[in-house]
Amino acid sequence: FSVSSALRALTAAAALLALSAAAAAAFSPGADSELTFVLPAGHTECFYQSAARNGTMEVEYQVRGSGVCILVQIRLNLLSHCSKPG
């Protein structure tokens, strides 16, 4: 693994993550949607998804690699993260 190939991989992962975050912001409640992203080792990422009242949401994740320790936190927030213009 050379330094230049590591930098290219990191740049590609960052671009994919930025694109995925933009796609996550465009999701609407009640619609089927998917989000795929690469999370480099040792990093944390947060996503917010609105949901319909009394609706359901399914979360699925896949770990590619071995010898990993995964911590997944799913938090429910009953308040909106969006502010309304005054």
N, C-alpha and C. Protein backbone atom coordinates (compact mmCIF):
# COMPACT_ATOMS: atom_id res chain seq x y z
N PHE A 1 0.84 -1.18 0.00
CA PHE A 1 0.00 0.00 0.00
C PHE A 1 0.88 1.23 0.00
N SER A 2 0.87 1.96 -1.09
CA SER A 2 1.68 3.18 -1.16
C SER A 2 0.90 4.37 -0.60
N VAL A 3 1.62 5.43 -0.30
CA VAL A 3 0.99 6.63 0.23
C VAL A 3 0.03 7.22 -0.79
N SER A 4 0.42 7.25 -2.08
CA SER A 4 -0.45 7.84 -3.10
C SER A 4 -1.72 7.03 -3.29
N SER A 5 -1.63 5.69 -3.25
CA SER A 5 -2.85 4.89 -3.39
C SER A 5 -3.73 5.03 -2.16
N ALA A 6 -3.14 5.20 -0.99
CA ALA A 6 -3.92 5.41 0.23
C ALA A 6 -4.64 6.76 0.15
N LEU A 7 -3.97 7.79 -0.36
CA LEU A 7 -4.61 9.10 -0.51
C LEU A 7 -5.73 9.06 -1.53
N ARG A 8 -5.53 8.34 -2.64
CA ARG A 8 -6.59 8.21 -3.64
C ARG A 8 -7.80 7.50 -3.04
N ALA A 9 -7.56 6.44 -2.28
CA ALA A 9 -8.66 5.70 -1.65
C ALA A 9 -9.39 6.58 -0.65
N LEU A 10 -8.66 7.36 0.13
CA LEU A 10 -9.26 8.26 1.11
C LEU A 10 -10.08 9.35 0.42
N THR A 11 -9.55 9.90 -0.68
CA THR A 11 -10.28 10.92 -1.43
C THR A 11 -11.56 10.36 -2.02
N ALA A 12 -11.49 9.15 -2.58
CA ALA A 12 -12.68 8.52 -3.15
C ALA A 12 -13.71 8.24 -2.07
N ALA A 13 -13.26 7.77 -0.90
CA ALA A 13 -14.19 7.49 0.20
C ALA A 13 -14.84 8.78 0.69
N ALA A 14 -14.08 9.86 0.77
CA ALA A 14 -14.63 11.15 1.22
C ALA A 14 -15.66 11.66 0.22
N ALA A 15 -15.39 11.51 -1.08
CA ALA A 15 -16.34 11.95 -2.10
C ALA A 15 -17.62 11.14 -2.03
N LEU A 16 -17.49 9.82 -1.84
CA LEU A 16 -18.66 8.95 -1.72
C LEU A 16 -19.47 9.32 -0.49
N LEU A 17 -18.80 9.60 0.60
CA LEU A 17 -19.47 9.97 1.84
C LEU A 17 -20.22 11.29 1.67
N ALA A 18 -19.61 12.27 1.02
CA ALA A 18 -20.27 13.56 0.79
C ALA A 18 -21.49 13.39 -0.10
N LEU A 19 -21.37 12.58 -1.14
CA LEU A 19 -22.49 12.32 -2.03
C LEU A 19 -23.60 11.59 -1.28
N SER A 20 -23.24 10.62 -0.45
CA SER A 20 -24.22 9.87 0.32
C SER A 20 -24.94 10.77 1.31
N ALA A 21 -24.23 11.69 1.94
CA ALA A 21 -24.85 12.61 2.89
C ALA A 21 -25.85 13.51 2.18
N ALA A 22 -25.51 13.96 0.97
CA ALA A 22 -26.44 14.79 0.20
C ALA A 22 -27.67 13.98 -0.19
N ALA A 23 -27.49 12.73 -0.54
CA ALA A 23 -28.63 11.88 -0.89
C ALA A 23 -29.51 11.63 0.33
N ALA A 24 -28.91 11.46 1.49
CA ALA A 24 -29.68 11.24 2.72
C ALA A 24 -30.57 12.43 3.02
N ALA A 25 -30.09 13.63 2.75
CA ALA A 25 -30.87 14.83 3.02
C ALA A 25 -32.08 14.94 2.09
N ALA A 26 -32.03 14.28 0.94
CA ALA A 26 -33.10 14.38 -0.05
C ALA A 26 -34.21 13.36 0.17
N PHE A 27 -34.05 12.41 1.07
CA PHE A 27 -35.07 11.39 1.30
C PHE A 27 -36.34 12.02 1.85
N SER A 28 -37.48 11.46 1.51
CA SER A 28 -38.73 11.96 2.06
C SER A 28 -39.42 10.86 2.86
N PRO A 29 -40.18 11.22 3.90
CA PRO A 29 -40.87 10.23 4.71
C PRO A 29 -41.84 9.42 3.87
N GLY A 30 -41.98 8.15 4.18
CA GLY A 30 -42.93 7.29 3.50
C GLY A 30 -42.42 6.71 2.20
N ALA A 31 -41.25 7.07 1.76
CA ALA A 31 -40.70 6.56 0.51
C ALA A 31 -39.63 5.53 0.80
N ASP A 32 -39.57 4.50 -0.03
CA ASP A 32 -38.47 3.55 0.09
C ASP A 32 -37.20 4.25 -0.35
N SER A 33 -36.14 4.06 0.39
CA SER A 33 -34.88 4.68 0.02
C SER A 33 -33.73 3.85 0.54
N GLU A 34 -32.60 3.98 -0.10
CA GLU A 34 -31.39 3.27 0.29
C GLU A 34 -30.25 4.26 0.41
N LEU A 35 -29.31 3.94 1.25
CA LEU A 35 -28.12 4.76 1.42
C LEU A 35 -26.95 3.81 1.59
N THR A 36 -25.95 3.95 0.74
CA THR A 36 -24.74 3.14 0.84
C THR A 36 -23.57 4.09 0.99
N PHE A 37 -22.71 3.83 1.95
CA PHE A 37 -21.53 4.67 2.13
C PHE A 37 -20.41 3.84 2.73
N VAL A 38 -19.21 4.33 2.56
CA VAL A 38 -18.02 3.70 3.13
C VAL A 38 -17.60 4.55 4.32
N LEU A 39 -17.46 3.91 5.46
CA LEU A 39 -17.02 4.61 6.66
C LEU A 39 -15.64 4.08 7.02
N PRO A 40 -14.61 4.91 6.87
CA PRO A 40 -13.26 4.47 7.19
C PRO A 40 -13.12 4.09 8.66
N ALA A 41 -12.20 3.19 8.94
CA ALA A 41 -11.95 2.74 10.31
C ALA A 41 -11.67 3.93 11.22
N GLY A 42 -12.26 3.90 12.41
CA GLY A 42 -12.01 4.94 13.40
C GLY A 42 -12.82 6.21 13.21
N HIS A 43 -13.73 6.25 12.23
CA HIS A 43 -14.52 7.45 11.96
C HIS A 43 -15.96 7.25 12.44
N THR A 44 -16.66 8.34 12.64
CA THR A 44 -18.06 8.34 13.05
C THR A 44 -18.85 9.18 12.06
N GLU A 45 -20.05 8.76 11.76
CA GLU A 45 -20.91 9.53 10.86
C GLU A 45 -22.33 9.49 11.40
N CYS A 46 -23.06 10.59 11.27
CA CYS A 46 -24.45 10.68 11.71
C CYS A 46 -25.34 10.99 10.52
N PHE A 47 -26.52 10.37 10.49
CA PHE A 47 -27.51 10.65 9.47
C PHE A 47 -28.85 10.85 10.16
N TYR A 48 -29.65 11.74 9.62
CA TYR A 48 -30.99 12.00 10.14
C TYR A 48 -31.99 11.68 9.06
N GLN A 49 -33.03 10.97 9.41
CA GLN A 49 -34.07 10.61 8.45
C GLN A 49 -35.42 10.88 9.09
N SER A 50 -36.23 11.68 8.45
CA SER A 50 -37.60 11.91 8.93
C SER A 50 -38.42 10.67 8.68
N ALA A 51 -39.43 10.47 9.50
CA ALA A 51 -40.29 9.29 9.35
C ALA A 51 -41.74 9.70 9.60
N ALA A 52 -42.65 9.00 8.96
CA ALA A 52 -44.07 9.26 9.15
C ALA A 52 -44.50 8.79 10.53
N ARG A 53 -45.41 9.54 11.15
CA ARG A 53 -45.95 9.15 12.46
C ARG A 53 -46.58 7.77 12.34
N ASN A 54 -46.31 6.92 13.30
CA ASN A 54 -46.81 5.54 13.35
C ASN A 54 -46.33 4.70 12.17
N GLY A 55 -45.30 5.15 11.50
CA GLY A 55 -44.74 4.39 10.39
C GLY A 55 -43.66 3.43 10.89
N THR A 56 -43.02 2.77 9.98
CA THR A 56 -41.93 1.85 10.33
C THR A 56 -40.68 2.25 9.56
N MET A 57 -39.55 1.82 10.09
CA MET A 57 -38.28 2.07 9.43
C MET A 57 -37.41 0.84 9.64
N GLU A 58 -36.76 0.41 8.60
CA GLU A 58 -35.86 -0.74 8.68
C GLU A 58 -34.45 -0.25 8.43
N VAL A 59 -33.53 -0.65 9.30
CA VAL A 59 -32.13 -0.28 9.17
C VAL A 59 -31.33 -1.56 9.00
N GLU A 60 -30.51 -1.60 7.98
CA GLU A 60 -29.69 -2.77 7.71
C GLU A 60 -28.27 -2.29 7.45
N TYR A 61 -27.30 -2.99 7.99
CA TYR A 61 -25.91 -2.61 7.71
C TYR A 61 -25.08 -3.85 7.47
N GLN A 62 -23.98 -3.67 6.79
CA GLN A 62 -23.09 -4.77 6.45
C GLN A 62 -21.67 -4.35 6.78
N VAL A 63 -20.94 -5.25 7.41
CA VAL A 63 -19.54 -5.01 7.73
C VAL A 63 -18.70 -5.82 6.76
N ARG A 64 -17.81 -5.14 6.07
CA ARG A 64 -16.94 -5.83 5.12
C ARG A 64 -15.54 -5.80 5.69
N GLY A 65 -15.06 -6.93 6.13
CA GLY A 65 -13.74 -7.03 6.72
C GLY A 65 -13.80 -7.97 7.91
N SER A 66 -12.68 -8.14 8.55
CA SER A 66 -12.66 -9.05 9.70
C SER A 66 -11.93 -8.39 10.86
N GLY A 67 -12.13 -8.96 12.04
CA GLY A 67 -11.45 -8.44 13.22
C GLY A 67 -11.91 -7.04 13.59
N VAL A 68 -13.21 -6.78 13.41
CA VAL A 68 -13.73 -5.44 13.68
C VAL A 68 -14.66 -5.45 14.88
N CYS A 69 -14.74 -4.33 15.53
CA CYS A 69 -15.68 -4.11 16.63
C CYS A 69 -16.62 -3.01 16.18
N ILE A 70 -17.91 -3.28 16.17
CA ILE A 70 -18.89 -2.34 15.65
C ILE A 70 -19.76 -1.81 16.79
N LEU A 71 -19.96 -0.52 16.83
CA LEU A 71 -20.89 0.10 17.77
C LEU A 71 -21.91 0.87 16.94
N VAL A 72 -23.15 0.44 17.01
CA VAL A 72 -24.22 1.09 16.27
C VAL A 72 -25.16 1.74 17.27
N GLN A 73 -25.45 3.01 17.07
CA GLN A 73 -26.39 3.73 17.92
C GLN A 73 -27.54 4.23 17.06
N ILE A 74 -28.74 3.86 17.42
CA ILE A 74 -29.93 4.37 16.74
C ILE A 74 -30.72 5.13 17.79
N ARG A 75 -30.91 6.40 17.55
CA ARG A 75 -31.62 7.25 18.51
C ARG A 75 -32.91 7.77 17.89
N LEU A 76 -33.95 7.75 18.67
CA LEU A 76 -35.22 8.31 18.23
C LEU A 76 -35.33 9.71 18.80
N ASN A 77 -35.67 10.64 17.95
CA ASN A 77 -35.82 12.02 18.38
C ASN A 77 -37.21 12.48 17.97
N LEU A 78 -38.01 12.86 18.93
CA LEU A 78 -39.37 13.27 18.63
C LEU A 78 -39.48 14.72 18.22
N LEU A 79 -38.38 15.42 18.20
CA LEU A 79 -38.37 16.82 17.79
C LEU A 79 -37.78 16.95 16.40
N SER A 80 -38.21 17.93 15.67
CA SER A 80 -37.70 18.15 14.32
C SER A 80 -36.31 18.76 14.37
N HIS A 81 -35.45 18.35 13.44
CA HIS A 81 -34.11 18.92 13.32
C HIS A 81 -34.13 20.14 12.39
N CYS A 82 -35.27 20.41 11.78
CA CYS A 82 -35.38 21.53 10.85
C CYS A 82 -35.99 22.73 11.57
N SER A 83 -35.49 23.88 11.26
CA SER A 83 -36.10 25.08 11.84
C SER A 83 -36.97 25.75 10.78
N LYS A 84 -38.08 26.29 11.22
CA LYS A 84 -39.00 26.96 10.30
C LYS A 84 -38.65 28.44 10.25
N PRO A 85 -38.73 29.04 9.06
CA PRO A 85 -38.44 30.47 8.96
C PRO A 85 -39.38 31.27 9.85
N GLY A 86 -38.84 32.30 10.50
CA GLY A 86 -39.55 33.07 11.48
C GLY A 86 -40.59 33.96 10.95
